[in-house]
Amino acid sequence: MHLLSYLASLLAGLCGAMGFGSGTVLLLYLTAVLQLDPQTAQGINLLFFLPCAALSLAVYCRDNDLSFRPALRLLVWTLPGAAAGFLLLPLLPVSVLRRIFGGFLVIVAVREGRRKN
């Protein structure tokens, strides 16, 4: 099981560095393979995200590939959304969270499957 954990972490880190959303990989592994509840998995995911984001941000800044103005505009709406999600999380049963996450994965898969490029 340790090797699988290392591989899942590596894949999540690679996806995060490329902007693919490492959280999806990590949350799938933590909930489906390790059978952790969604709240615990999300906490681990957030902790995992911090060093990955810091390293990726440093590289993007170094390469001058970052546009701060659109990022700040998005951040204004992202922070209230994150706060709302944090407040709603304890109120939702685990079964509902699993359905929401599964539905999100289906939507993303269908959308990506229809892309032409």
PDB file of N, CA and C in Angstrom:
ATOM      1  N   MET A   1       0.823  -1.199   0.000  1.00  0.00           N
ATOM      2  CA  MET A   1       0.000   0.000   0.000  1.00  0.00           C
ATOM      3  C   MET A   1       0.862   1.256   0.000  1.00  0.00           C
ATOM      4  N   HIS A   2       2.051   1.190   0.575  1.00  0.00           N
ATOM      5  CA  HIS A   2       2.910   2.370   0.613  1.00  0.00           C
ATOM      6  C   HIS A   2       3.315   2.802  -0.786  1.00  0.00           C
ATOM      7  N   LEU A   3       3.634   1.849  -1.643  1.00  0.00           N
ATOM      8  CA  LEU A   3       4.021   2.187  -3.012  1.00  0.00           C
ATOM      9  C   LEU A   3       2.880   2.889  -3.736  1.00  0.00           C
ATOM     10  N   LEU A   4       1.669   2.413  -3.546  1.00  0.00           N
ATOM     11  CA  LEU A   4       0.506   3.040  -4.165  1.00  0.00           C
ATOM     12  C   LEU A   4       0.320   4.467  -3.643  1.00  0.00           C
ATOM     13  N   SER A   5       0.558   4.688  -2.362  1.00  0.00           N
ATOM     14  CA  SER A   5       0.474   6.035  -1.789  1.00  0.00           C
ATOM     15  C   SER A   5       1.521   6.948  -2.405  1.00  0.00           C
ATOM     16  N   TYR A   6       2.726   6.448  -2.580  1.00  0.00           N
ATOM     17  CA  TYR A   6       3.784   7.251  -3.188  1.00  0.00           C
ATOM     18  C   TYR A   6       3.432   7.590  -4.634  1.00  0.00           C
ATOM     19  N   LEU A   7       2.914   6.623  -5.362  1.00  0.00           N
ATOM     20  CA  LEU A   7       2.547   6.864  -6.759  1.00  0.00           C
ATOM     21  C   LEU A   7       1.393   7.856  -6.883  1.00  0.00           C
ATOM     22  N   ALA A   8       0.404   7.735  -6.006  1.00  0.00           N
ATOM     23  CA  ALA A   8      -0.723   8.678  -6.026  1.00  0.00           C
ATOM     24  C   ALA A   8      -0.240  10.088  -5.702  1.00  0.00           C
ATOM     25  N   SER A   9       0.659  10.217  -4.736  1.00  0.00           N
ATOM     26  CA  SER A   9       1.208  11.528  -4.378  1.00  0.00           C
ATOM     27  C   SER A   9       2.018  12.113  -5.525  1.00  0.00           C
ATOM     28  N   LEU A  10       2.814  11.278  -6.162  1.00  0.00           N
ATOM     29  CA  LEU A  10       3.617  11.735  -7.297  1.00  0.00           C
ATOM     30  C   LEU A  10       2.727  12.200  -8.449  1.00  0.00           C
ATOM     31  N   LEU A  11       1.713  11.418  -8.766  1.00  0.00           N
ATOM     32  CA  LEU A  11       0.792  11.780  -9.841  1.00  0.00           C
ATOM     33  C   LEU A  11       0.044  13.065  -9.500  1.00  0.00           C
ATOM     34  N   ALA A  12      -0.387  13.206  -8.255  1.00  0.00           N
ATOM     35  CA  ALA A  12      -1.085  14.424  -7.836  1.00  0.00           C
ATOM     36  C   ALA A  12      -0.158  15.631  -7.933  1.00  0.00           C
ATOM     37  N   GLY A  13       1.087  15.475  -7.530  1.00  0.00           N
ATOM     38  CA  GLY A  13       2.056  16.563  -7.632  1.00  0.00           C
ATOM     39  C   GLY A  13       2.320  16.964  -9.078  1.00  0.00           C
ATOM     40  N   LEU A  14       2.472  15.970  -9.950  1.00  0.00           N
ATOM     41  CA  LEU A  14       2.684  16.259 -11.375  1.00  0.00           C
ATOM     42  C   LEU A  14       1.483  16.986 -11.975  1.00  0.00           C
ATOM     43  N   CYS A  15       0.303  16.496 -11.657  1.00  0.00           N
ATOM     44  CA  CYS A  15      -0.918  17.141 -12.173  1.00  0.00           C
ATOM     45  C   CYS A  15      -1.056  18.560 -11.649  1.00  0.00           C
ATOM     46  N   GLY A  16      -0.767  18.755 -10.384  1.00  0.00           N
ATOM     47  CA  GLY A  16      -0.857  20.085  -9.798  1.00  0.00           C
ATOM     48  C   GLY A  16       0.128  21.053 -10.424  1.00  0.00           C
ATOM     49  N   ALA A  17       1.343  20.595 -10.679  1.00  0.00           N
ATOM     50  CA  ALA A  17       2.355  21.457 -11.279  1.00  0.00           C
ATOM     51  C   ALA A  17       1.983  21.863 -12.703  1.00  0.00           C
ATOM     52  N   MET A  18       1.221  21.016 -13.382  1.00  0.00           N
ATOM     53  CA  MET A  18       0.804  21.331 -14.755  1.00  0.00           C
ATOM     54  C   MET A  18      -0.554  22.021 -14.791  1.00  0.00           C
ATOM     55  N   GLY A  19      -1.157  22.254 -13.624  1.00  0.00           N
ATOM     56  CA  GLY A  19      -2.427  22.955 -13.576  1.00  0.00           C
ATOM     57  C   GLY A  19      -3.636  22.089 -13.874  1.00  0.00           C
ATOM     58  N   PHE A  20      -3.505  20.776 -13.731  1.00  0.00           N
ATOM     59  CA  PHE A  20      -4.604  19.860 -14.028  1.00  0.00           C
ATOM     60  C   PHE A  20      -5.524  19.604 -12.835  1.00  0.00           C
ATOM     61  N   GLY A  21      -5.151  20.064 -11.680  1.00  0.00           N
ATOM     62  CA  GLY A  21      -5.993  19.818 -10.514  1.00  0.00           C
ATOM     63  C   GLY A  21      -5.591  18.554  -9.776  1.00  0.00           C
ATOM     64  N   SER A  22      -4.571  18.667  -8.987  1.00  0.00           N
ATOM     65  CA  SER A  22      -4.077  17.505  -8.245  1.00  0.00           C
ATOM     66  C   SER A  22      -5.096  17.015  -7.226  1.00  0.00           C
ATOM     67  N   GLY A  23      -5.992  17.893  -6.807  1.00  0.00           N
ATOM     68  CA  GLY A  23      -6.983  17.527  -5.808  1.00  0.00           C
ATOM     69  C   GLY A  23      -7.860  16.380  -6.245  1.00  0.00           C
ATOM     70  N   THR A  24      -8.205  16.346  -7.513  1.00  0.00           N
ATOM     71  CA  THR A  24      -9.061  15.268  -8.004  1.00  0.00           C
ATOM     72  C   THR A  24      -8.356  13.931  -7.857  1.00  0.00           C
ATOM     73  N   VAL A  25      -7.105  13.865  -8.245  1.00  0.00           N
ATOM     74  CA  VAL A  25      -6.337  12.618  -8.127  1.00  0.00           C
ATOM     75  C   VAL A  25      -6.212  12.220  -6.665  1.00  0.00           C
ATOM     76  N   LEU A  26      -5.830  13.176  -5.846  1.00  0.00           N
ATOM     77  CA  LEU A  26      -5.599  12.872  -4.438  1.00  0.00           C
ATOM     78  C   LEU A  26      -6.900  12.517  -3.718  1.00  0.00           C
ATOM     79  N   LEU A  27      -7.968  13.260  -3.986  1.00  0.00           N
ATOM     80  CA  LEU A  27      -9.245  12.954  -3.338  1.00  0.00           C
ATOM     81  C   LEU A  27      -9.777  11.587  -3.760  1.00  0.00           C
ATOM     82  N   LEU A  28      -9.630  11.247  -5.022  1.00  0.00           N
ATOM     83  CA  LEU A  28     -10.047   9.918  -5.470  1.00  0.00           C
ATOM     84  C   LEU A  28      -9.282   8.826  -4.727  1.00  0.00           C
ATOM     85  N   TYR A  29      -7.989   8.998  -4.620  1.00  0.00           N
ATOM     86  CA  TYR A  29      -7.165   8.005  -3.944  1.00  0.00           C
ATOM     87  C   TYR A  29      -7.545   7.904  -2.460  1.00  0.00           C
ATOM     88  N   LEU A  30      -7.647   9.050  -1.816  1.00  0.00           N
ATOM     89  CA  LEU A  30      -7.923   9.048  -0.379  1.00  0.00           C
ATOM     90  C   LEU A  30      -9.301   8.478  -0.045  1.00  0.00           C
ATOM     91  N   THR A  31     -10.305   8.779  -0.875  1.00  0.00           N
ATOM     92  CA  THR A  31     -11.657   8.303  -0.573  1.00  0.00           C
ATOM     93  C   THR A  31     -11.920   6.900  -1.117  1.00  0.00           C
ATOM     94  N   ALA A  32     -11.468   6.618  -2.334  1.00  0.00           N
ATOM     95  CA  ALA A  32     -11.771   5.320  -2.951  1.00  0.00           C
ATOM     96  C   ALA A  32     -10.838   4.205  -2.480  1.00  0.00           C
ATOM     97  N   VAL A  33      -9.553   4.506  -2.355  1.00  0.00           N
ATOM     98  CA  VAL A  33      -8.591   3.458  -2.005  1.00  0.00           C
ATOM     99  C   VAL A  33      -8.392   3.368  -0.487  1.00  0.00           C
ATOM    100  N   LEU A  34      -8.146   4.511   0.141  1.00  0.00           N
ATOM    101  CA  LEU A  34      -7.898   4.491   1.581  1.00  0.00           C
ATOM    102  C   LEU A  34      -9.175   4.556   2.412  1.00  0.00           C
ATOM    103  N   GLN A  35     -10.313   4.765   1.755  1.00  0.00           N
ATOM    104  CA  GLN A  35     -11.620   4.786   2.420  1.00  0.00           C
ATOM    105  C   GLN A  35     -11.727   5.857   3.515  1.00  0.00           C
ATOM    106  N   LEU A  36     -11.079   7.009   3.296  1.00  0.00           N
ATOM    107  CA  LEU A  36     -11.198   8.111   4.240  1.00  0.00           C
ATOM    108  C   LEU A  36     -12.493   8.866   3.974  1.00  0.00           C
ATOM    109  N   ASP A  37     -13.047   9.479   5.023  1.00  0.00           N
ATOM    110  CA  ASP A  37     -14.247  10.270   4.813  1.00  0.00           C
ATOM    111  C   ASP A  37     -13.867  11.543   4.045  1.00  0.00           C
ATOM    112  N   PRO A  38     -14.806  12.131   3.307  1.00  0.00           N
ATOM    113  CA  PRO A  38     -14.486  13.292   2.470  1.00  0.00           C
ATOM    114  C   PRO A  38     -13.899  14.477   3.230  1.00  0.00           C
ATOM    115  N   GLN A  39     -14.341  14.712   4.456  1.00  0.00           N
ATOM    116  CA  GLN A  39     -13.804  15.837   5.211  1.00  0.00           C
ATOM    117  C   GLN A  39     -12.320  15.648   5.508  1.00  0.00           C
ATOM    118  N   THR A  40     -11.956  14.471   5.944  1.00  0.00           N
ATOM    119  CA  THR A  40     -10.551  14.184   6.229  1.00  0.00           C
ATOM    120  C   THR A  40      -9.728  14.241   4.958  1.00  0.00           C
ATOM    121  N   ALA A  41     -10.257  13.676   3.884  1.00  0.00           N
ATOM    122  CA  ALA A  41      -9.544  13.693   2.601  1.00  0.00           C
ATOM    123  C   ALA A  41      -9.326  15.122   2.118  1.00  0.00           C
ATOM    124  N   GLN A  42     -10.334  15.975   2.273  1.00  0.00           N
ATOM    125  CA  GLN A  42     -10.189  17.362   1.842  1.00  0.00           C
ATOM    126  C   GLN A  42      -9.151  18.090   2.683  1.00  0.00           C
ATOM    127  N   GLY A  43      -9.107  17.819   3.968  1.00  0.00           N
ATOM    128  CA  GLY A  43      -8.086  18.433   4.814  1.00  0.00           C
ATOM    129  C   GLY A  43      -6.688  18.031   4.388  1.00  0.00           C
ATOM    130  N   ILE A  44      -6.495  16.747   4.116  1.00  0.00           N
ATOM    131  CA  ILE A  44      -5.196  16.266   3.632  1.00  0.00           C
ATOM    132  C   ILE A  44      -4.877  16.912   2.288  1.00  0.00           C
ATOM    133  N   ASN A  45      -5.879  17.001   1.416  1.00  0.00           N
ATOM    134  CA  ASN A  45      -5.688  17.604   0.107  1.00  0.00           C
ATOM    135  C   ASN A  45      -5.230  19.062   0.225  1.00  0.00           C
ATOM    136  N   LEU A  46      -5.839  19.814   1.134  1.00  0.00           N
ATOM    137  CA  LEU A  46      -5.453  21.215   1.314  1.00  0.00           C
ATOM    138  C   LEU A  46      -4.027  21.331   1.840  1.00  0.00           C
ATOM    139  N   LEU A  47      -3.662  20.457   2.762  1.00  0.00           N
ATOM    140  CA  LEU A  47      -2.293  20.467   3.275  1.00  0.00           C
ATOM    141  C   LEU A  47      -1.302  20.111   2.171  1.00  0.00           C
ATOM    142  N   PHE A  48      -1.656  19.142   1.346  1.00  0.00           N
ATOM    143  CA  PHE A  48      -0.825  18.714   0.219  1.00  0.00           C
ATOM    144  C   PHE A  48      -0.665  19.848  -0.791  1.00  0.00           C
ATOM    145  N   PHE A  49      -1.728  20.630  -0.968  1.00  0.00           N
ATOM    146  CA  PHE A  49      -1.755  21.675  -1.983  1.00  0.00           C
ATOM    147  C   PHE A  49      -0.754  22.799  -1.694  1.00  0.00           C
ATOM    148  N   LEU A  50      -0.559  23.143  -0.421  1.00  0.00           N
ATOM    149  CA  LEU A  50       0.261  24.307  -0.078  1.00  0.00           C
ATOM    150  C   LEU A  50       1.686  24.253  -0.635  1.00  0.00           C
ATOM    151  N   PRO A  51       2.461  23.208  -0.361  1.00  0.00           N
ATOM    152  CA  PRO A  51       3.822  23.205  -0.912  1.00  0.00           C
ATOM    153  C   PRO A  51       3.839  23.074  -2.437  1.00  0.00           C
ATOM    154  N   CYS A  52       2.882  22.328  -2.992  1.00  0.00           N
ATOM    155  CA  CYS A  52       2.826  22.192  -4.459  1.00  0.00           C
ATOM    156  C   CYS A  52       2.537  23.545  -5.108  1.00  0.00           C
ATOM    157  N   ALA A  53       1.597  24.284  -4.544  1.00  0.00           N
ATOM    158  CA  ALA A  53       1.245  25.600  -5.089  1.00  0.00           C
ATOM    159  C   ALA A  53       2.414  26.571  -4.941  1.00  0.00           C
ATOM    160  N   ALA A  54       3.094  26.545  -3.810  1.00  0.00           N
ATOM    161  CA  ALA A  54       4.219  27.455  -3.593  1.00  0.00           C
ATOM    162  C   ALA A  54       5.336  27.193  -4.605  1.00  0.00           C
ATOM    163  N   LEU A  55       5.662  25.937  -4.821  1.00  0.00           N
ATOM    164  CA  LEU A  55       6.711  25.593  -5.777  1.00  0.00           C
ATOM    165  C   LEU A  55       6.307  25.974  -7.206  1.00  0.00           C
ATOM    166  N   SER A  56       5.081  25.656  -7.577  1.00  0.00           N
ATOM    167  CA  SER A  56       4.599  25.990  -8.920  1.00  0.00           C
ATOM    168  C   SER A  56       4.553  27.501  -9.128  1.00  0.00           C
ATOM    169  N   LEU A  57       4.101  28.231  -8.120  1.00  0.00           N
ATOM    170  CA  LEU A  57       4.032  29.688  -8.211  1.00  0.00           C
ATOM    171  C   LEU A  57       5.424  30.284  -8.400  1.00  0.00           C
ATOM    172  N   ALA A  58       6.396  29.758  -7.689  1.00  0.00           N
ATOM    173  CA  ALA A  58       7.766  30.252  -7.829  1.00  0.00           C
ATOM    174  C   ALA A  58       8.273  30.043  -9.255  1.00  0.00           C
ATOM    175  N   VAL A  59       7.991  28.891  -9.834  1.00  0.00           N
ATOM    176  CA  VAL A  59       8.444  28.606 -11.197  1.00  0.00           C
ATOM    177  C   VAL A  59       7.738  29.515 -12.201  1.00  0.00           C
ATOM    178  N   TYR A  60       6.415  29.681 -12.049  1.00  0.00           N
ATOM    179  CA  TYR A  60       5.671  30.552 -12.959  1.00  0.00           C
ATOM    180  C   TYR A  60       6.148  32.001 -12.850  1.00  0.00           C
ATOM    181  N   CYS A  61       6.434  32.463 -11.643  1.00  0.00           N
ATOM    182  CA  CYS A  61       6.953  33.830 -11.463  1.00  0.00           C
ATOM    183  C   CYS A  61       8.344  33.957 -12.082  1.00  0.00           C
ATOM    184  N   ARG A  62       9.183  32.961 -11.864  1.00  0.00           N
ATOM    185  CA  ARG A  62      10.537  32.988 -12.421  1.00  0.00           C
ATOM    186  C   ARG A  62      10.506  33.075 -13.938  1.00  0.00           C
ATOM    187  N   ASP A  63       9.588  32.332 -14.553  1.00  0.00           N
ATOM    188  CA  ASP A  63       9.489  32.301 -16.015  1.00  0.00           C
ATOM    189  C   ASP A  63       8.627  33.430 -16.570  1.00  0.00           C
ATOM    190  N   ASN A  64       8.141  34.302 -15.682  1.00  0.00           N
ATOM    191  CA  ASN A  64       7.309  35.439 -16.085  1.00  0.00           C
ATOM    192  C   ASN A  64       6.047  34.983 -16.833  1.00  0.00           C
ATOM    193  N   ASP A  65       5.465  33.891 -16.380  1.00  0.00           N
ATOM    194  CA  ASP A  65       4.263  33.320 -16.999  1.00  0.00           C
ATOM    195  C   ASP A  65       3.016  33.536 -16.149  1.00  0.00           C
ATOM    196  N   LEU A  66       2.994  34.598 -15.378  1.00  0.00           N
ATOM    197  CA  LEU A  66       1.873  34.819 -14.476  1.00  0.00           C
ATOM    198  C   LEU A  66       1.297  36.207 -14.709  1.00  0.00           C
ATOM    199  N   SER A  67      -0.006  36.270 -14.851  1.00  0.00           N
ATOM    200  CA  SER A  67      -0.700  37.536 -15.028  1.00  0.00           C
ATOM    201  C   SER A  67      -1.493  37.806 -13.752  1.00  0.00           C
ATOM    202  N   PHE A  68      -1.059  38.782 -12.991  1.00  0.00           N
ATOM    203  CA  PHE A  68      -1.644  39.027 -11.674  1.00  0.00           C
ATOM    204  C   PHE A  68      -3.048  39.622 -11.733  1.00  0.00           C
ATOM    205  N   ARG A  69      -3.335  40.476 -12.698  1.00  0.00           N
ATOM    206  CA  ARG A  69      -4.628  41.156 -12.722  1.00  0.00           C
ATOM    207  C   ARG A  69      -5.805  40.174 -12.808  1.00  0.00           C
ATOM    208  N   PRO A  70      -5.838  39.245 -13.788  1.00  0.00           N
ATOM    209  CA  PRO A  70      -6.963  38.284 -13.809  1.00  0.00           C
ATOM    210  C   PRO A  70      -6.968  37.372 -12.582  1.00  0.00           C
ATOM    211  N   ALA A  71      -5.799  37.043 -12.079  1.00  0.00           N
ATOM    212  CA  ALA A  71      -5.722  36.180 -10.900  1.00  0.00           C
ATOM    213  C   ALA A  71      -6.351  36.871  -9.693  1.00  0.00           C
ATOM    214  N   LEU A  72      -6.088  38.130  -9.517  1.00  0.00           N
ATOM    215  CA  LEU A  72      -6.667  38.863  -8.384  1.00  0.00           C
ATOM    216  C   LEU A  72      -8.180  39.004  -8.524  1.00  0.00           C
ATOM    217  N   ARG A  73      -8.666  39.218  -9.770  1.00  0.00           N
ATOM    218  CA  ARG A  73     -10.109  39.294  -9.983  1.00  0.00           C
ATOM    219  C   ARG A  73     -10.791  37.982  -9.610  1.00  0.00           C
ATOM    220  N   LEU A  74     -10.185  36.875  -9.956  1.00  0.00           N
ATOM    221  CA  LEU A  74     -10.746  35.566  -9.611  1.00  0.00           C
ATOM    222  C   LEU A  74     -10.670  35.309  -8.110  1.00  0.00           C
ATOM    223  N   LEU A  75      -9.590  35.753  -7.500  1.00  0.00           N
ATOM    224  CA  LEU A  75      -9.394  35.530  -6.078  1.00  0.00           C
ATOM    225  C   LEU A  75     -10.480  36.212  -5.242  1.00  0.00           C
ATOM    226  N   VAL A  76     -10.955  37.364  -5.711  1.00  0.00           N
ATOM    227  CA  VAL A  76     -12.008  38.089  -4.991  1.00  0.00           C
ATOM    228  C   VAL A  76     -13.250  37.208  -4.836  1.00  0.00           C
ATOM    229  N   TRP A  77     -13.553  36.383  -5.825  1.00  0.00           N
ATOM    230  CA  TRP A  77     -14.735  35.515  -5.767  1.00  0.00           C
ATOM    231  C   TRP A  77     -14.417  34.140  -5.204  1.00  0.00           C
ATOM    232  N   THR A  78     -13.181  33.720  -5.325  1.00  0.00           N
ATOM    233  CA  THR A  78     -12.802  32.400  -4.851  1.00  0.00           C
ATOM    234  C   THR A  78     -12.812  32.321  -3.329  1.00  0.00           C
ATOM    235  N   LEU A  79     -12.321  33.340  -2.679  1.00  0.00           N
ATOM    236  CA  LEU A  79     -12.250  33.302  -1.214  1.00  0.00           C
ATOM    237  C   LEU A  79     -13.629  33.196  -0.554  1.00  0.00           C
ATOM    238  N   PRO A  80     -14.642  33.989  -0.966  1.00  0.00           N
ATOM    239  CA  PRO A  80     -15.973  33.775  -0.374  1.00  0.00           C
ATOM    240  C   PRO A  80     -16.549  32.394  -0.696  1.00  0.00           C
ATOM    241  N   GLY A  81     -16.270  31.892  -1.896  1.00  0.00           N
ATOM    242  CA  GLY A  81     -16.734  30.550  -2.248  1.00  0.00           C
ATOM    243  C   GLY A  81     -16.094  29.482  -1.376  1.00  0.00           C
ATOM    244  N   ALA A  82     -14.809  29.632  -1.112  1.00  0.00           N
ATOM    245  CA  ALA A  82     -14.110  28.677  -0.251  1.00  0.00           C
ATOM    246  C   ALA A  82     -14.644  28.756   1.178  1.00  0.00           C
ATOM    247  N   ALA A  83     -14.911  29.966   1.650  1.00  0.00           N
ATOM    248  CA  ALA A  83     -15.461  30.121   3.002  1.00  0.00           C
ATOM    249  C   ALA A  83     -16.845  29.483   3.100  1.00  0.00           C
ATOM    250  N   ALA A  84     -17.670  29.680   2.079  1.00  0.00           N
ATOM    251  CA  ALA A  84     -19.009  29.080   2.078  1.00  0.00           C
ATOM    252  C   ALA A  84     -18.915  27.553   2.065  1.00  0.00           C
ATOM    253  N   GLY A  85     -18.022  27.023   1.251  1.00  0.00           N
ATOM    254  CA  GLY A  85     -17.838  25.575   1.215  1.00  0.00           C
ATOM    255  C   GLY A  85     -17.365  25.025   2.546  1.00  0.00           C
ATOM    256  N   PHE A  86     -16.469  25.744   3.186  1.00  0.00           N
ATOM    257  CA  PHE A  86     -15.965  25.331   4.492  1.00  0.00           C
ATOM    258  C   PHE A  86     -17.085  25.296   5.531  1.00  0.00           C
ATOM    259  N   LEU A  87     -17.968  26.305   5.475  1.00  0.00           N
ATOM    260  CA  LEU A  87     -19.071  26.359   6.429  1.00  0.00           C
ATOM    261  C   LEU A  87     -20.140  25.305   6.141  1.00  0.00           C
ATOM    262  N   LEU A  88     -20.338  24.968   4.857  1.00  0.00           N
ATOM    263  CA  LEU A  88     -21.342  23.967   4.489  1.00  0.00           C
ATOM    264  C   LEU A  88     -20.869  22.540   4.730  1.00  0.00           C
ATOM    265  N   LEU A  89     -19.584  22.312   4.673  1.00  0.00           N
ATOM    266  CA  LEU A  89     -19.035  20.957   4.755  1.00  0.00           C
ATOM    267  C   LEU A  89     -19.545  20.163   5.957  1.00  0.00           C
ATOM    268  N   PRO A  90     -19.516  20.700   7.172  1.00  0.00           N
ATOM    269  CA  PRO A  90     -19.983  19.893   8.305  1.00  0.00           C
ATOM    270  C   PRO A  90     -21.493  19.656   8.310  1.00  0.00           C
ATOM    271  N   LEU A  91     -22.228  20.441   7.538  1.00  0.00           N
ATOM    272  CA  LEU A  91     -23.684  20.312   7.532  1.00  0.00           C
ATOM    273  C   LEU A  91     -24.187  19.234   6.574  1.00  0.00           C
ATOM    274  N   LEU A  92     -23.341  18.821   5.643  1.00  0.00           N
ATOM    275  CA  LEU A  92     -23.754  17.842   4.631  1.00  0.00           C
ATOM    276  C   LEU A  92     -23.330  16.440   5.041  1.00  0.00           C
ATOM    277  N   PRO A  93     -24.230  15.467   4.897  1.00  0.00           N
ATOM    278  CA  PRO A  93     -23.843  14.081   5.193  1.00  0.00           C
ATOM    279  C   PRO A  93     -22.802  13.576   4.184  1.00  0.00           C
ATOM    280  N   VAL A  94     -22.001  12.637   4.633  1.00  0.00           N
ATOM    281  CA  VAL A  94     -20.950  12.075   3.784  1.00  0.00           C
ATOM    282  C   VAL A  94     -21.529  11.528   2.484  1.00  0.00           C
ATOM    283  N   SER A  95     -22.699  10.892   2.530  1.00  0.00           N
ATOM    284  CA  SER A  95     -23.295  10.324   1.309  1.00  0.00           C
ATOM    285  C   SER A  95     -23.590  11.422   0.280  1.00  0.00           C
ATOM    286  N   VAL A  96     -24.018  12.583   0.737  1.00  0.00           N
ATOM    287  CA  VAL A  96     -24.284  13.702  -0.186  1.00  0.00           C
ATOM    288  C   VAL A  96     -22.977  14.213  -0.773  1.00  0.00           C
ATOM    289  N   LEU A  97     -21.943  14.342   0.059  1.00  0.00           N
ATOM    290  CA  LEU A  97     -20.641  14.801  -0.435  1.00  0.00           C
ATOM    291  C   LEU A  97     -20.084  13.852  -1.488  1.00  0.00           C
ATOM    292  N   ARG A  98     -20.244  12.557  -1.254  1.00  0.00           N
ATOM    293  CA  ARG A  98     -19.759  11.573  -2.237  1.00  0.00           C
ATOM    294  C   ARG A  98     -20.506  11.720  -3.565  1.00  0.00           C
ATOM    295  N   ARG A  99     -21.807  11.950  -3.501  1.00  0.00           N
ATOM    296  CA  ARG A  99     -22.595  12.114  -4.734  1.00  0.00           C
ATOM    297  C   ARG A  99     -22.200  13.392  -5.468  1.00  0.00           C
ATOM    298  N   ILE A 100     -22.005  14.465  -4.723  1.00  0.00           N
ATOM    299  CA  ILE A 100     -21.599  15.728  -5.351  1.00  0.00           C
ATOM    300  C   ILE A 100     -20.247  15.555  -6.043  1.00  0.00           C
ATOM    301  N   PHE A 101     -19.292  14.946  -5.350  1.00  0.00           N
ATOM    302  CA  PHE A 101     -17.961  14.742  -5.922  1.00  0.00           C
ATOM    303  C   PHE A 101     -18.030  13.820  -7.130  1.00  0.00           C
ATOM    304  N   GLY A 102     -18.798  12.735  -7.033  1.00  0.00           N
ATOM    305  CA  GLY A 102     -18.958  11.820  -8.164  1.00  0.00           C
ATOM    306  C   GLY A 102     -19.603  12.509  -9.360  1.00  0.00           C
ATOM    307  N   GLY A 103     -20.629  13.323  -9.104  1.00  0.00           N
ATOM    308  CA  GLY A 103     -21.274  14.069 -10.185  1.00  0.00           C
ATOM    309  C   GLY A 103     -20.318  15.039 -10.848  1.00  0.00           C
ATOM    310  N   PHE A 104     -19.506  15.699 -10.034  1.00  0.00           N
ATOM    311  CA  PHE A 104     -18.500  16.600 -10.574  1.00  0.00           C
ATOM    312  C   PHE A 104     -17.527  15.850 -11.484  1.00  0.00           C
ATOM    313  N   LEU A 105     -17.073  14.683 -11.055  1.00  0.00           N
ATOM    314  CA  LEU A 105     -16.144  13.898 -11.869  1.00  0.00           C
ATOM    315  C   LEU A 105     -16.784  13.470 -13.193  1.00  0.00           C
ATOM    316  N   VAL A 106     -18.053  13.086 -13.155  1.00  0.00           N
ATOM    317  CA  VAL A 106     -18.754  12.692 -14.386  1.00  0.00           C
ATOM    318  C   VAL A 106     -18.849  13.881 -15.338  1.00  0.00           C
ATOM    319  N   ILE A 107     -19.215  15.040 -14.824  1.00  0.00           N
ATOM    320  CA  ILE A 107     -19.325  16.235 -15.672  1.00  0.00           C
ATOM    321  C   ILE A 107     -17.990  16.572 -16.310  1.00  0.00           C
ATOM    322  N   VAL A 108     -16.929  16.539 -15.522  1.00  0.00           N
ATOM    323  CA  VAL A 108     -15.599  16.841 -16.057  1.00  0.00           C
ATOM    324  C   VAL A 108     -15.201  15.803 -17.114  1.00  0.00           C
ATOM    325  N   ALA A 109     -15.454  14.530 -16.845  1.00  0.00           N
ATOM    326  CA  ALA A 109     -15.091  13.476 -17.803  1.00  0.00           C
ATOM    327  C   ALA A 109     -15.843  13.638 -19.120  1.00  0.00           C
ATOM    328  N   VAL A 110     -17.127  13.907 -19.046  1.00  0.00           N
ATOM    329  CA  VAL A 110     -17.919  14.097 -20.275  1.00  0.00           C
ATOM    330  C   VAL A 110     -17.425  15.317 -21.031  1.00  0.00           C
ATOM    331  N   ARG A 111     -17.197  16.389 -20.316  1.00  0.00           N
ATOM    332  CA  ARG A 111     -16.726  17.626 -20.961  1.00  0.00           C
ATOM    333  C   ARG A 111     -15.375  17.408 -21.636  1.00  0.00           C
ATOM    334  N   GLU A 112     -14.471  16.757 -20.947  1.00  0.00           N
ATOM    335  CA  GLU A 112     -13.136  16.508 -21.521  1.00  0.00           C
ATOM    336  C   GLU A 112     -13.230  15.524 -22.689  1.00  0.00           C
ATOM    337  N   GLY A 113     -14.129  14.560 -22.585  1.00  0.00           N
ATOM    338  CA  GLY A 113     -14.284  13.590 -23.662  1.00  0.00           C
ATOM    339  C   GLY A 113     -14.810  14.216 -24.951  1.00  0.00           C
ATOM    340  N   ARG A 114     -15.512  15.315 -24.829  1.00  0.00           N
ATOM    341  CA  ARG A 114     -16.072  15.993 -25.998  1.00  0.00           C
ATOM    342  C   ARG A 114     -15.139  17.018 -26.621  1.00  0.00           C
ATOM    343  N   ARG A 115     -14.048  17.325 -25.955  1.00  0.00           N
ATOM    344  CA  ARG A 115     -13.099  18.316 -26.477  1.00  0.00           C
ATOM    345  C   ARG A 115     -12.464  17.808 -27.753  1.00  0.00           C
ATOM    346  N   LYS A 116     -12.269  18.705 -28.678  1.00  0.00           N
ATOM    347  CA  LYS A 116     -11.690  18.328 -29.976  1.00  0.00           C
ATOM    348  C   LYS A 116     -10.164  18.306 -29.960  1.00  0.00           C
ATOM    349  N   ASN A 117      -9.551  19.114 -29.115  1.00  0.00           N
ATOM    350  CA  ASN A 117      -8.082  19.170 -29.131  1.00  0.00           C
ATOM    351  C   ASN A 117      -7.473  18.589 -27.915  1.00  0.00           C
TER     352      ASN A 117
END
